[in-house]
Amino acid sequence: MATYGQSGGDKGQALLNQIIDAAGRDVVALSYKARIERHAAEVAA
């Protein structure tokens, strides 16, 4: 639930930060950017 933003409380946010740190913040940022770009391309099509 935390990874989808559906658990926005303190515990959910702490868990999300742990997941992001474990994956690497740069990796998560690049993945998120790619996802947003794919979505934008789909909407524009």
C-alpha atoms as a PDB file:
ATOM      1  CA  MET A   1       0.000   0.000   0.000  1.00  0.00           C
ATOM      2  CA  ALA A   2       2.866   2.386   0.776  1.00  0.00           C
ATOM      3  CA  THR A   3       4.332   2.019  -2.707  1.00  0.00           C
ATOM      4  CA  TYR A   4       1.059   3.179  -4.270  1.00  0.00           C
ATOM      5  CA  GLY A   5       0.673   6.158  -1.946  1.00  0.00           C
ATOM      6  CA  GLN A   6      -2.362   4.648  -0.242  1.00  0.00           C
ATOM      7  CA  SER A   7      -0.737   4.543   3.164  1.00  0.00           C
ATOM      8  CA  GLY A   8       0.218   8.165   3.695  1.00  0.00           C
ATOM      9  CA  GLY A   9       0.536   8.059   7.452  1.00  0.00           C
ATOM     10  CA  ASP A  10       3.812   8.196   9.335  1.00  0.00           C
ATOM     11  CA  LYS A  11       4.363   4.425   9.196  1.00  0.00           C
ATOM     12  CA  GLY A  12       3.529   4.219   5.495  1.00  0.00           C
ATOM     13  CA  GLN A  13       5.835   7.125   4.679  1.00  0.00           C
ATOM     14  CA  ALA A  14       8.645   5.572   6.724  1.00  0.00           C
ATOM     15  CA  LEU A  15       8.198   2.257   4.917  1.00  0.00           C
ATOM     16  CA  LEU A  16       8.177   3.993   1.530  1.00  0.00           C
ATOM     17  CA  ASN A  17      11.405   5.806   2.394  1.00  0.00           C
ATOM     18  CA  GLN A  18      13.025   2.516   3.429  1.00  0.00           C
ATOM     19  CA  ILE A  19      12.009   0.924   0.130  1.00  0.00           C
ATOM     20  CA  ILE A  20      13.315   3.882  -1.878  1.00  0.00           C
ATOM     21  CA  ASP A  21      16.598   3.924   0.051  1.00  0.00           C
ATOM     22  CA  ALA A  22      17.050   0.180  -0.445  1.00  0.00           C
ATOM     23  CA  ALA A  23      16.482   0.482  -4.197  1.00  0.00           C
ATOM     24  CA  GLY A  24      18.576   3.634  -4.468  1.00  0.00           C
ATOM     25  CA  ARG A  25      17.030   7.067  -4.771  1.00  0.00           C
ATOM     26  CA  ASP A  26      18.640   7.672  -8.172  1.00  0.00           C
ATOM     27  CA  VAL A  27      17.230   4.401  -9.549  1.00  0.00           C
ATOM     28  CA  VAL A  28      13.754   5.241  -8.265  1.00  0.00           C
ATOM     29  CA  ALA A  29      13.914   8.766  -9.713  1.00  0.00           C
ATOM     30  CA  LEU A  30      14.965   7.488 -13.149  1.00  0.00           C
ATOM     31  CA  SER A  31      12.282   4.799 -13.116  1.00  0.00           C
ATOM     32  CA  TYR A  32       9.600   7.276 -12.117  1.00  0.00           C
ATOM     33  CA  LYS A  33      10.721   9.715 -14.828  1.00  0.00           C
ATOM     34  CA  ALA A  34      10.513   6.969 -17.461  1.00  0.00           C
ATOM     35  CA  ARG A  35       7.042   5.996 -16.252  1.00  0.00           C
ATOM     36  CA  ILE A  36       5.801   9.588 -16.439  1.00  0.00           C
ATOM     37  CA  GLU A  37       7.255  10.001 -19.941  1.00  0.00           C
ATOM     38  CA  ARG A  38       5.550   6.779 -21.127  1.00  0.00           C
ATOM     39  CA  HIS A  39       2.253   7.928 -19.693  1.00  0.00           C
ATOM     40  CA  ALA A  40       2.575  11.358 -21.323  1.00  0.00           C
ATOM     41  CA  ALA A  41       3.291   9.718 -24.686  1.00  0.00           C
ATOM     42  CA  GLU A  42       0.226   7.472 -24.319  1.00  0.00           C
ATOM     43  CA  VAL A  43      -2.014  10.404 -23.447  1.00  0.00           C
ATOM     44  CA  ALA A  44      -0.679  12.447 -26.377  1.00  0.00           C
ATOM     45  CA  ALA A  45      -1.300   9.594 -28.850  1.00  0.00           C
END
